[in-house]
Amino acid sequence: MAPPPYIEYFLTHSRFRSAHRIVKRAEPFTAEFPALPEGTIEMAGRTDVGLVREHNEDSFLIGNLQSGDLYTENDSGLLKTEAIPSLMMVADGVGGAVSGEVASDLATRVAFQHLRDRLHQGSLKGAVNIAESLQQAVLAANQSIYELSRSDRTHHGMGTTATIALVVGGMIYFAQVGDSRAYIIRGGAARQMTKDQSLVQRMVDAGKLTPEQAERSEHRNIILQALGPEPTIMPELTRDRLQHDDIVLLCSDGLSNQIGAGEISDRVHSSRDLEALCTAFVDRAIETGAPDNVTVVVGRYMIPVSSQDAS
């Protein structure tokens, strides 16, 4: 059966082909990795308007796709769940656009519901199916925002970034549109798992700016893609195998513009309490001036001792 036309479009685009090759790699369930041990994940999040903006256009969501339990920016607390499967997401309403907070909230809720539906349809099994489901969740969120902005003139032009981490068993799958970031902190080092879809990042890739110059550039907040403004988008996809005591961190640029990867890893190392850690990150951004909304979501992946021994 031939794939739908929009799938053919994405498969022929060079940026999507690169992401597709990643998820088409052989599954890690081989003789070398006979099985991924089952783990649990604790998640927490916090957002703050910052010191300059008049209102908060950021949204976040942490949730259990099986049970439907979730926390958003309107809730507080720690969500602990079996890691089959769980979702973490940060969305940053595009600065200066109308109704950015509407776009970011809609993005998180549509993506969560789409992936929950996919789970109940049995589609979150195998790397290719999981990656395709994650991509479709992002496309569904984009379509919902785009259609609302066209049908309701009060929301015309709204948009949002979206960074998603989907934990299924011992694997984590990332999808990104825009410049919110995802990190894995492992062994005392923070590794950035996403690449900013921004003007300065493109200039870095082209050798026209150094990473240090990009961090100081007055154009660093210009993003090349967002959910909502256009009918089609191309999310970037990647994945990794989780290890015991990994910390997964997602954040809006209101945090990543204020502190670097080194400070992120240092603060993670200094606290085991995820709610306190989220508060510490937000407080640090405020200490440095917080010119933008600040949002951070963190998750700790834990593998029981018995499962570690078995693996």
C-alpha atoms as a PDB file:
ATOM      1  CA  MET A   1       0.000   0.000   0.000  1.00  0.00           C
ATOM      2  CA  ALA A   2       1.487   3.365  -1.055  1.00  0.00           C
ATOM      3  CA  PRO A   3       2.056   5.926   1.694  1.00  0.00           C
ATOM      4  CA  PRO A   4      -0.164   9.051   1.775  1.00  0.00           C
ATOM      5  CA  PRO A   5       1.032  11.987  -0.380  1.00  0.00           C
ATOM      6  CA  TYR A   6       2.181  14.056   2.618  1.00  0.00           C
ATOM      7  CA  ILE A   7       4.417  11.184   3.756  1.00  0.00           C
ATOM      8  CA  GLU A   8       5.951  11.047   0.264  1.00  0.00           C
ATOM      9  CA  TYR A   9       6.633  14.789   0.537  1.00  0.00           C
ATOM     10  CA  PHE A  10       8.536  14.433   3.781  1.00  0.00           C
ATOM     11  CA  LEU A  11      10.458  11.376   2.621  1.00  0.00           C
ATOM     12  CA  THR A  12      11.776  13.317  -0.363  1.00  0.00           C
ATOM     13  CA  HIS A  13      12.945  16.290   1.702  1.00  0.00           C
ATOM     14  CA  SER A  14      16.649  16.171   2.587  1.00  0.00           C
ATOM     15  CA  ARG A  15      16.223  17.243   6.237  1.00  0.00           C
ATOM     16  CA  PHE A  16      13.579  14.632   6.863  1.00  0.00           C
ATOM     17  CA  ARG A  17      15.560  11.906   5.105  1.00  0.00           C
ATOM     18  CA  SER A  18      18.380  12.499   7.579  1.00  0.00           C
ATOM     19  CA  ALA A  19      16.040  12.081  10.538  1.00  0.00           C
ATOM     20  CA  HIS A  20      14.383   9.100   8.893  1.00  0.00           C
ATOM     21  CA  ARG A  21      17.734   7.342   8.519  1.00  0.00           C
ATOM     22  CA  ILE A  22      18.282   7.700  12.258  1.00  0.00           C
ATOM     23  CA  VAL A  23      15.053   5.973  13.190  1.00  0.00           C
ATOM     24  CA  LYS A  24      15.426   3.342  10.440  1.00  0.00           C
ATOM     25  CA  ARG A  25      18.594   1.999  12.046  1.00  0.00           C
ATOM     26  CA  ALA A  26      18.385  -1.552  13.297  1.00  0.00           C
ATOM     27  CA  GLU A  27      16.612  -1.938  16.629  1.00  0.00           C
ATOM     28  CA  PRO A  28      18.966  -2.369  19.593  1.00  0.00           C
ATOM     29  CA  PHE A  29      17.259  -5.641  20.542  1.00  0.00           C
ATOM     30  CA  THR A  30      20.021  -7.818  19.120  1.00  0.00           C
ATOM     31  CA  ALA A  31      22.460 -10.359  20.487  1.00  0.00           C
ATOM     32  CA  GLU A  32      24.512  -7.437  21.793  1.00  0.00           C
ATOM     33  CA  PHE A  33      21.473  -5.859  23.479  1.00  0.00           C
ATOM     34  CA  PRO A  34      19.050  -8.764  24.046  1.00  0.00           C
ATOM     35  CA  ALA A  35      16.548  -6.592  25.932  1.00  0.00           C
ATOM     36  CA  LEU A  36      16.224  -3.145  27.388  1.00  0.00           C
ATOM     37  CA  PRO A  37      15.589  -3.248  31.141  1.00  0.00           C
ATOM     38  CA  GLU A  38      12.344  -1.702  32.270  1.00  0.00           C
ATOM     39  CA  GLY A  39      12.625   1.452  34.340  1.00  0.00           C
ATOM     40  CA  THR A  40      10.607   4.197  35.964  1.00  0.00           C
ATOM     41  CA  ILE A  41      10.744   7.916  35.445  1.00  0.00           C
ATOM     42  CA  GLU A  42       9.998  10.772  37.825  1.00  0.00           C
ATOM     43  CA  MET A  43       9.147  14.105  36.199  1.00  0.00           C
ATOM     44  CA  ALA A  44       8.587  17.664  37.343  1.00  0.00           C
ATOM     45  CA  GLY A  45       8.312  21.062  35.698  1.00  0.00           C
ATOM     46  CA  ARG A  46       8.069  24.755  36.400  1.00  0.00           C
ATOM     47  CA  THR A  47       7.521  27.937  34.421  1.00  0.00           C
ATOM     48  CA  ASP A  48       7.818  31.631  35.259  1.00  0.00           C
ATOM     49  CA  VAL A  49       6.973  34.833  33.414  1.00  0.00           C
ATOM     50  CA  GLY A  50      10.463  36.232  34.041  1.00  0.00           C
ATOM     51  CA  LEU A  51      11.329  39.856  34.763  1.00  0.00           C
ATOM     52  CA  VAL A  52      10.504  41.595  31.491  1.00  0.00           C
ATOM     53  CA  ARG A  53       7.526  39.967  29.738  1.00  0.00           C
ATOM     54  CA  GLU A  54       4.013  41.011  30.710  1.00  0.00           C
ATOM     55  CA  HIS A  55       2.576  37.512  30.435  1.00  0.00           C
ATOM     56  CA  ASN A  56       3.778  33.934  30.089  1.00  0.00           C
ATOM     57  CA  GLU A  57       3.544  32.375  26.625  1.00  0.00           C
ATOM     58  CA  ASP A  58       5.339  29.146  27.629  1.00  0.00           C
ATOM     59  CA  SER A  59       3.594  25.842  28.309  1.00  0.00           C
ATOM     60  CA  PHE A  60       4.822  22.449  29.458  1.00  0.00           C
ATOM     61  CA  LEU A  61       3.333  19.002  29.901  1.00  0.00           C
ATOM     62  CA  ILE A  62       4.506  15.848  31.651  1.00  0.00           C
ATOM     63  CA  GLY A  63       2.309  12.804  31.402  1.00  0.00           C
ATOM     64  CA  ASN A  64       1.680   9.075  31.486  1.00  0.00           C
ATOM     65  CA  LEU A  65       0.270   8.066  28.102  1.00  0.00           C
ATOM     66  CA  GLN A  66      -1.168   4.818  29.437  1.00  0.00           C
ATOM     67  CA  SER A  67      -3.212   6.244  32.317  1.00  0.00           C
ATOM     68  CA  GLY A  68      -3.721   9.754  30.981  1.00  0.00           C
ATOM     69  CA  ASP A  69      -2.312  11.296  34.160  1.00  0.00           C
ATOM     70  CA  LEU A  70      -0.590  14.572  33.395  1.00  0.00           C
ATOM     71  CA  TYR A  71       0.666  17.838  34.838  1.00  0.00           C
ATOM     72  CA  THR A  72       0.867  21.127  32.948  1.00  0.00           C
ATOM     73  CA  GLU A  73       2.038  24.648  33.733  1.00  0.00           C
ATOM     74  CA  ASN A  74      -1.188  25.108  35.699  1.00  0.00           C
ATOM     75  CA  ASP A  75      -0.354  22.267  38.116  1.00  0.00           C
ATOM     76  CA  SER A  76       2.418  21.481  40.538  1.00  0.00           C
ATOM     77  CA  GLY A  77       3.897  18.288  41.877  1.00  0.00           C
ATOM     78  CA  LEU A  78       5.980  15.298  40.921  1.00  0.00           C
ATOM     79  CA  LEU A  79       4.693  12.689  38.482  1.00  0.00           C
ATOM     80  CA  LYS A  80       6.232   9.246  38.928  1.00  0.00           C
ATOM     81  CA  THR A  81       5.385   6.621  36.357  1.00  0.00           C
ATOM     82  CA  GLU A  82       6.522   3.428  34.742  1.00  0.00           C
ATOM     83  CA  ALA A  83       8.460   4.474  31.666  1.00  0.00           C
ATOM     84  CA  ILE A  84       6.206   2.685  29.172  1.00  0.00           C
ATOM     85  CA  PRO A  85       5.463   5.241  27.781  1.00  0.00           C
ATOM     86  CA  SER A  86       5.821   8.749  29.233  1.00  0.00           C
ATOM     87  CA  LEU A  87       5.915  12.194  27.676  1.00  0.00           C
ATOM     88  CA  MET A  88       7.758  15.412  28.473  1.00  0.00           C
ATOM     89  CA  MET A  89       7.147  18.543  26.408  1.00  0.00           C
ATOM     90  CA  VAL A  90       8.053  22.235  26.421  1.00  0.00           C
ATOM     91  CA  ALA A  91       6.443  24.773  24.080  1.00  0.00           C
ATOM     92  CA  ASP A  92       7.428  28.435  23.856  1.00  0.00           C
ATOM     93  CA  GLY A  93       4.856  30.720  22.273  1.00  0.00           C
ATOM     94  CA  VAL A  94       6.626  32.696  19.554  1.00  0.00           C
ATOM     95  CA  GLY A  95       7.627  36.047  21.000  1.00  0.00           C
ATOM     96  CA  GLY A  96       5.699  38.984  19.600  1.00  0.00           C
ATOM     97  CA  ALA A  97       3.060  36.840  17.910  1.00  0.00           C
ATOM     98  CA  VAL A  98      -0.590  37.066  18.861  1.00  0.00           C
ATOM     99  CA  SER A  99      -1.824  34.435  21.329  1.00  0.00           C
ATOM    100  CA  GLY A 100       1.466  32.647  21.771  1.00  0.00           C
ATOM    101  CA  GLU A 101       0.196  31.182  25.018  1.00  0.00           C
ATOM    102  CA  VAL A 102      -2.806  29.706  23.179  1.00  0.00           C
ATOM    103  CA  ALA A 103      -0.535  28.118  20.595  1.00  0.00           C
ATOM    104  CA  SER A 104       1.840  26.608  23.159  1.00  0.00           C
ATOM    105  CA  ASP A 105      -0.965  25.172  25.288  1.00  0.00           C
ATOM    106  CA  LEU A 106      -2.710  23.723  22.226  1.00  0.00           C
ATOM    107  CA  ALA A 107       0.541  22.157  21.025  1.00  0.00           C
ATOM    108  CA  THR A 108       1.131  20.269  24.269  1.00  0.00           C
ATOM    109  CA  ARG A 109      -2.415  18.965  24.561  1.00  0.00           C
ATOM    110  CA  VAL A 110      -2.799  17.901  20.930  1.00  0.00           C
ATOM    111  CA  ALA A 111       0.559  16.119  20.926  1.00  0.00           C
ATOM    112  CA  PHE A 112      -0.248  14.285  24.156  1.00  0.00           C
ATOM    113  CA  GLN A 113      -3.670  13.146  22.970  1.00  0.00           C
ATOM    114  CA  HIS A 114      -2.359  12.093  19.557  1.00  0.00           C
ATOM    115  CA  LEU A 115       0.339   9.924  21.109  1.00  0.00           C
ATOM    116  CA  ARG A 116      -2.124   8.494  23.612  1.00  0.00           C
ATOM    117  CA  ASP A 117      -4.398   7.517  20.741  1.00  0.00           C
ATOM    118  CA  ARG A 118      -1.438   5.945  18.948  1.00  0.00           C
ATOM    119  CA  LEU A 119      -0.582   3.948  22.069  1.00  0.00           C
ATOM    120  CA  HIS A 120      -4.095   2.548  22.297  1.00  0.00           C
ATOM    121  CA  GLN A 121      -3.946   1.671  18.593  1.00  0.00           C
ATOM    122  CA  GLY A 122      -0.794  -0.349  19.259  1.00  0.00           C
ATOM    123  CA  SER A 123       1.425   1.999  17.241  1.00  0.00           C
ATOM    124  CA  LEU A 124       4.094   2.691  19.877  1.00  0.00           C
ATOM    125  CA  LYS A 125       6.042  -0.495  19.195  1.00  0.00           C
ATOM    126  CA  GLY A 126       9.299  -0.554  17.252  1.00  0.00           C
ATOM    127  CA  ALA A 127      11.594   2.365  16.471  1.00  0.00           C
ATOM    128  CA  VAL A 128      10.093   3.195  13.072  1.00  0.00           C
ATOM    129  CA  ASN A 129       6.481   3.151  14.312  1.00  0.00           C
ATOM    130  CA  ILE A 130       7.356   5.178  17.404  1.00  0.00           C
ATOM    131  CA  ALA A 131       9.244   7.792  15.412  1.00  0.00           C
ATOM    132  CA  GLU A 132       6.437   8.012  12.844  1.00  0.00           C
ATOM    133  CA  SER A 133       3.885   8.413  15.649  1.00  0.00           C
ATOM    134  CA  LEU A 134       5.963  11.157  17.240  1.00  0.00           C
ATOM    135  CA  GLN A 135       6.320  12.962  13.945  1.00  0.00           C
ATOM    136  CA  GLN A 136       2.579  12.714  13.310  1.00  0.00           C
ATOM    137  CA  ALA A 137       1.877  14.115  16.785  1.00  0.00           C
ATOM    138  CA  VAL A 138       3.939  17.193  15.912  1.00  0.00           C
ATOM    139  CA  LEU A 139       2.206  17.540  12.539  1.00  0.00           C
ATOM    140  CA  ALA A 140      -1.201  17.232  14.218  1.00  0.00           C
ATOM    141  CA  ALA A 141      -0.287  19.979  16.693  1.00  0.00           C
ATOM    142  CA  ASN A 142       0.865  22.204  13.841  1.00  0.00           C
ATOM    143  CA  GLN A 143      -2.343  21.613  11.910  1.00  0.00           C
ATOM    144  CA  SER A 144      -4.522  22.423  14.931  1.00  0.00           C
ATOM    145  CA  ILE A 145      -2.718  25.697  15.590  1.00  0.00           C
ATOM    146  CA  TYR A 146      -2.683  26.658  11.918  1.00  0.00           C
ATOM    147  CA  GLU A 147      -6.399  25.999  11.498  1.00  0.00           C
ATOM    148  CA  LEU A 148      -7.322  27.929  14.647  1.00  0.00           C
ATOM    149  CA  SER A 149      -5.220  30.910  13.590  1.00  0.00           C
ATOM    150  CA  ARG A 150      -7.006  30.980  10.231  1.00  0.00           C
ATOM    151  CA  SER A 151     -10.524  30.498  11.594  1.00  0.00           C
ATOM    152  CA  ASP A 152     -10.243  32.992  14.470  1.00  0.00           C
ATOM    153  CA  ARG A 153      -8.707  36.328  13.541  1.00  0.00           C
ATOM    154  CA  THR A 154      -7.943  37.104  17.186  1.00  0.00           C
ATOM    155  CA  HIS A 155      -5.345  34.331  17.012  1.00  0.00           C
ATOM    156  CA  HIS A 156      -3.980  35.169  13.566  1.00  0.00           C
ATOM    157  CA  GLY A 157      -0.246  34.654  13.294  1.00  0.00           C
ATOM    158  CA  MET A 158       0.223  32.703  16.501  1.00  0.00           C
ATOM    159  CA  GLY A 159       2.947  30.100  16.755  1.00  0.00           C
ATOM    160  CA  THR A 160       5.076  28.120  19.160  1.00  0.00           C
ATOM    161  CA  THR A 161       8.223  26.064  19.446  1.00  0.00           C
ATOM    162  CA  ALA A 162       7.866  22.433  20.482  1.00  0.00           C
ATOM    163  CA  THR A 163      10.385  20.070  22.024  1.00  0.00           C
ATOM    164  CA  ILE A 164       9.145  16.596  22.976  1.00  0.00           C
ATOM    165  CA  ALA A 165      10.761  13.668  24.756  1.00  0.00           C
ATOM    166  CA  LEU A 166       8.912  10.353  24.483  1.00  0.00           C
ATOM    167  CA  VAL A 167      10.132   7.574  26.777  1.00  0.00           C
ATOM    168  CA  VAL A 168       9.212   4.069  25.674  1.00  0.00           C
ATOM    169  CA  GLY A 169      10.817   1.273  27.661  1.00  0.00           C
ATOM    170  CA  GLY A 170      14.529   1.994  27.806  1.00  0.00           C
ATOM    171  CA  MET A 171      14.578   4.337  24.795  1.00  0.00           C
ATOM    172  CA  ILE A 172      13.941   8.059  24.509  1.00  0.00           C
ATOM    173  CA  TYR A 173      12.789   9.727  21.293  1.00  0.00           C
ATOM    174  CA  PHE A 174      13.080  13.475  20.727  1.00  0.00           C
ATOM    175  CA  ALA A 175      11.221  15.723  18.313  1.00  0.00           C
ATOM    176  CA  GLN A 176      11.893  19.410  17.891  1.00  0.00           C
ATOM    177  CA  VAL A 177      10.552  22.442  16.062  1.00  0.00           C
ATOM    178  CA  GLY A 178      12.186  25.765  16.941  1.00  0.00           C
ATOM    179  CA  ASP A 179      14.842  26.469  19.551  1.00  0.00           C
ATOM    180  CA  SER A 180      13.648  25.041  22.846  1.00  0.00           C
ATOM    181  CA  ARG A 181      16.211  22.473  23.905  1.00  0.00           C
ATOM    182  CA  ALA A 182      16.566  18.958  25.274  1.00  0.00           C
ATOM    183  CA  TYR A 183      19.559  17.668  27.233  1.00  0.00           C
ATOM    184  CA  ILE A 184      20.569  14.359  28.755  1.00  0.00           C
ATOM    185  CA  ILE A 185      22.757  14.729  31.838  1.00  0.00           C
ATOM    186  CA  ARG A 186      24.815  11.586  32.258  1.00  0.00           C
ATOM    187  CA  GLY A 187      28.060  10.950  34.106  1.00  0.00           C
ATOM    188  CA  GLY A 188      28.325  14.572  35.199  1.00  0.00           C
ATOM    189  CA  ALA A 189      28.028  16.029  31.673  1.00  0.00           C
ATOM    190  CA  ALA A 190      25.071  17.663  29.939  1.00  0.00           C
ATOM    191  CA  ARG A 191      24.723  16.609  26.314  1.00  0.00           C
ATOM    192  CA  GLN A 192      22.441  18.671  24.091  1.00  0.00           C
ATOM    193  CA  MET A 193      20.151  16.285  22.189  1.00  0.00           C
ATOM    194  CA  THR A 194      18.544  18.873  19.910  1.00  0.00           C
ATOM    195  CA  LYS A 195      19.907  21.446  17.482  1.00  0.00           C
ATOM    196  CA  ASP A 196      18.354  24.905  17.472  1.00  0.00           C
ATOM    197  CA  GLN A 197      16.378  25.651  14.334  1.00  0.00           C
ATOM    198  CA  SER A 198      17.568  29.257  14.415  1.00  0.00           C
ATOM    199  CA  LEU A 199      19.326  31.801  12.260  1.00  0.00           C
ATOM    200  CA  VAL A 200      22.484  31.846  14.382  1.00  0.00           C
ATOM    201  CA  GLN A 201      22.697  28.035  14.439  1.00  0.00           C
ATOM    202  CA  ARG A 202      22.539  28.011  10.658  1.00  0.00           C
ATOM    203  CA  MET A 203      25.344  30.578  10.613  1.00  0.00           C
ATOM    204  CA  VAL A 204      27.373  28.399  12.986  1.00  0.00           C
ATOM    205  CA  ASP A 205      26.806  25.392  10.717  1.00  0.00           C
ATOM    206  CA  ALA A 206      27.981  27.478   7.742  1.00  0.00           C
ATOM    207  CA  GLY A 207      31.132  28.540   9.589  1.00  0.00           C
ATOM    208  CA  LYS A 208      30.109  32.219   9.690  1.00  0.00           C
ATOM    209  CA  LEU A 209      29.811  32.346  13.496  1.00  0.00           C
ATOM    210  CA  THR A 210      31.494  30.504  16.329  1.00  0.00           C
ATOM    211  CA  PRO A 211      29.247  28.951  18.999  1.00  0.00           C
ATOM    212  CA  GLU A 212      30.505  31.626  21.404  1.00  0.00           C
ATOM    213  CA  GLN A 213      29.579  34.417  18.987  1.00  0.00           C
ATOM    214  CA  ALA A 214      26.167  32.827  18.450  1.00  0.00           C
ATOM    215  CA  GLU A 215      25.451  32.874  22.181  1.00  0.00           C
ATOM    216  CA  ARG A 216      26.079  36.635  22.235  1.00  0.00           C
ATOM    217  CA  SER A 217      24.373  37.482  18.948  1.00  0.00           C
ATOM    218  CA  GLU A 218      21.490  39.944  18.972  1.00  0.00           C
ATOM    219  CA  HIS A 219      19.810  37.657  16.413  1.00  0.00           C
ATOM    220  CA  ARG A 220      19.910  34.500  18.533  1.00  0.00           C
ATOM    221  CA  ASN A 221      16.132  34.506  19.102  1.00  0.00           C
ATOM    222  CA  ILE A 222      15.260  34.413  15.394  1.00  0.00           C
ATOM    223  CA  ILE A 223      13.905  30.941  14.713  1.00  0.00           C
ATOM    224  CA  LEU A 224      13.481  29.395  11.265  1.00  0.00           C
ATOM    225  CA  GLN A 225      10.486  27.193  12.037  1.00  0.00           C
ATOM    226  CA  ALA A 226       7.563  27.106  14.456  1.00  0.00           C
ATOM    227  CA  LEU A 227       4.262  25.313  14.850  1.00  0.00           C
ATOM    228  CA  GLY A 228       1.323  27.269  13.468  1.00  0.00           C
ATOM    229  CA  PRO A 229       2.428  29.915  10.977  1.00  0.00           C
ATOM    230  CA  GLU A 230       2.699  27.516   8.018  1.00  0.00           C
ATOM    231  CA  PRO A 231       0.573  24.494   7.004  1.00  0.00           C
ATOM    232  CA  THR A 232       3.616  22.203   6.831  1.00  0.00           C
ATOM    233  CA  ILE A 233       6.652  21.833   9.102  1.00  0.00           C
ATOM    234  CA  MET A 234       9.524  19.362   9.389  1.00  0.00           C
ATOM    235  CA  PRO A 235      10.373  18.271  12.940  1.00  0.00           C
ATOM    236  CA  GLU A 236      13.880  17.074  13.706  1.00  0.00           C
ATOM    237  CA  LEU A 237      13.983  13.577  15.221  1.00  0.00           C
ATOM    238  CA  THR A 238      16.599  11.725  17.218  1.00  0.00           C
ATOM    239  CA  ARG A 239      16.764   9.020  19.876  1.00  0.00           C
ATOM    240  CA  ASP A 240      19.005   7.523  22.524  1.00  0.00           C
ATOM    241  CA  ARG A 241      19.149   4.561  24.867  1.00  0.00           C
ATOM    242  CA  LEU A 242      18.526   5.605  28.469  1.00  0.00           C
ATOM    243  CA  GLN A 243      20.839   4.587  31.285  1.00  0.00           C
ATOM    244  CA  HIS A 244      20.233   4.304  35.010  1.00  0.00           C
ATOM    245  CA  ASP A 245      20.086   7.697  36.754  1.00  0.00           C
ATOM    246  CA  ASP A 246      19.964   9.698  33.519  1.00  0.00           C
ATOM    247  CA  ILE A 247      18.435  13.141  33.880  1.00  0.00           C
ATOM    248  CA  VAL A 248      16.432  14.422  30.912  1.00  0.00           C
ATOM    249  CA  LEU A 249      15.966  18.199  30.811  1.00  0.00           C
ATOM    250  CA  LEU A 250      13.801  20.205  28.420  1.00  0.00           C
ATOM    251  CA  CYS A 251      13.726  23.992  28.532  1.00  0.00           C
ATOM    252  CA  SER A 252      12.676  27.100  26.690  1.00  0.00           C
ATOM    253  CA  ASP A 253      15.323  29.561  25.537  1.00  0.00           C
ATOM    254  CA  GLY A 254      14.457  31.655  28.564  1.00  0.00           C
ATOM    255  CA  LEU A 255      16.669  29.214  30.472  1.00  0.00           C
ATOM    256  CA  SER A 256      19.208  28.097  27.854  1.00  0.00           C
ATOM    257  CA  ASN A 257      20.010  31.713  26.942  1.00  0.00           C
ATOM    258  CA  GLN A 258      20.856  32.418  30.587  1.00  0.00           C
ATOM    259  CA  ILE A 259      22.936  29.394  31.605  1.00  0.00           C
ATOM    260  CA  GLY A 260      25.144  26.964  29.736  1.00  0.00           C
ATOM    261  CA  ALA A 261      25.479  23.196  29.665  1.00  0.00           C
ATOM    262  CA  GLY A 262      28.195  23.238  32.324  1.00  0.00           C
ATOM    263  CA  GLU A 263      26.030  24.999  34.855  1.00  0.00           C
ATOM    264  CA  ILE A 264      23.098  22.753  33.993  1.00  0.00           C
ATOM    265  CA  SER A 265      25.135  19.641  34.813  1.00  0.00           C
ATOM    266  CA  ASP A 266      26.508  21.211  38.002  1.00  0.00           C
ATOM    267  CA  ARG A 267      23.042  22.038  39.311  1.00  0.00           C
ATOM    268  CA  VAL A 268      21.699  18.602  38.436  1.00  0.00           C
ATOM    269  CA  HIS A 269      24.585  17.026  40.335  1.00  0.00           C
ATOM    270  CA  SER A 270      23.824  19.125  43.426  1.00  0.00           C
ATOM    271  CA  SER A 271      20.156  18.099  43.870  1.00  0.00           C
ATOM    272  CA  ARG A 272      18.193  14.839  43.876  1.00  0.00           C
ATOM    273  CA  ASP A 273      14.860  16.618  44.396  1.00  0.00           C
ATOM    274  CA  LEU A 274      13.386  17.291  40.962  1.00  0.00           C
ATOM    275  CA  GLU A 275      10.876  19.916  42.081  1.00  0.00           C
ATOM    276  CA  ALA A 276      13.614  21.772  43.953  1.00  0.00           C
ATOM    277  CA  LEU A 277      15.833  21.440  40.886  1.00  0.00           C
ATOM    278  CA  CYS A 278      13.212  23.065  38.651  1.00  0.00           C
ATOM    279  CA  THR A 279      12.864  25.897  41.157  1.00  0.00           C
ATOM    280  CA  ALA A 280      16.653  26.337  41.296  1.00  0.00           C
ATOM    281  CA  PHE A 281      16.865  26.640  37.506  1.00  0.00           C
ATOM    282  CA  VAL A 282      14.080  29.219  37.360  1.00  0.00           C
ATOM    283  CA  ASP A 283      15.586  31.170  40.256  1.00  0.00           C
ATOM    284  CA  ARG A 284      18.970  31.173  38.525  1.00  0.00           C
ATOM    285  CA  ALA A 285      17.454  32.534  35.312  1.00  0.00           C
ATOM    286  CA  ILE A 286      15.782  35.295  37.333  1.00  0.00           C
ATOM    287  CA  GLU A 287      19.088  36.098  39.057  1.00  0.00           C
ATOM    288  CA  THR A 288      20.645  36.650  35.626  1.00  0.00           C
ATOM    289  CA  GLY A 289      17.900  39.012  34.479  1.00  0.00           C
ATOM    290  CA  ALA A 290      15.274  36.670  32.960  1.00  0.00           C
ATOM    291  CA  PRO A 291      14.368  38.809  29.923  1.00  0.00           C
ATOM    292  CA  ASP A 292      12.078  36.055  28.643  1.00  0.00           C
ATOM    293  CA  ASN A 293       9.648  33.506  30.045  1.00  0.00           C
ATOM    294  CA  VAL A 294      11.506  30.628  31.713  1.00  0.00           C
ATOM    295  CA  THR A 295      10.341  27.010  31.531  1.00  0.00           C
ATOM    296  CA  VAL A 296      12.082  23.807  32.539  1.00  0.00           C
ATOM    297  CA  VAL A 297      11.004  20.166  32.743  1.00  0.00           C
ATOM    298  CA  VAL A 298      13.219  17.476  34.251  1.00  0.00           C
ATOM    299  CA  GLY A 299      12.902  13.709  34.469  1.00  0.00           C
ATOM    300  CA  ARG A 300      15.041  11.095  36.232  1.00  0.00           C
ATOM    301  CA  TYR A 301      15.134   7.611  34.717  1.00  0.00           C
ATOM    302  CA  MET A 302      15.740   4.790  37.191  1.00  0.00           C
ATOM    303  CA  ILE A 303      16.321   1.086  36.538  1.00  0.00           C
ATOM    304  CA  PRO A 304      15.633  -1.265  39.483  1.00  0.00           C
ATOM    305  CA  VAL A 305      18.702  -3.092  40.806  1.00  0.00           C
ATOM    306  CA  SER A 306      17.286  -6.476  39.801  1.00  0.00           C
ATOM    307  CA  SER A 307      16.815  -5.294  36.205  1.00  0.00           C
ATOM    308  CA  GLN A 308      20.329  -3.852  36.100  1.00  0.00           C
ATOM    309  CA  ASP A 309      21.742  -7.183  37.227  1.00  0.00           C
ATOM    310  CA  ALA A 310      19.692  -9.002  34.579  1.00  0.00           C
ATOM    311  CA  SER A 311      20.944  -6.729  31.805  1.00  0.00           C
END
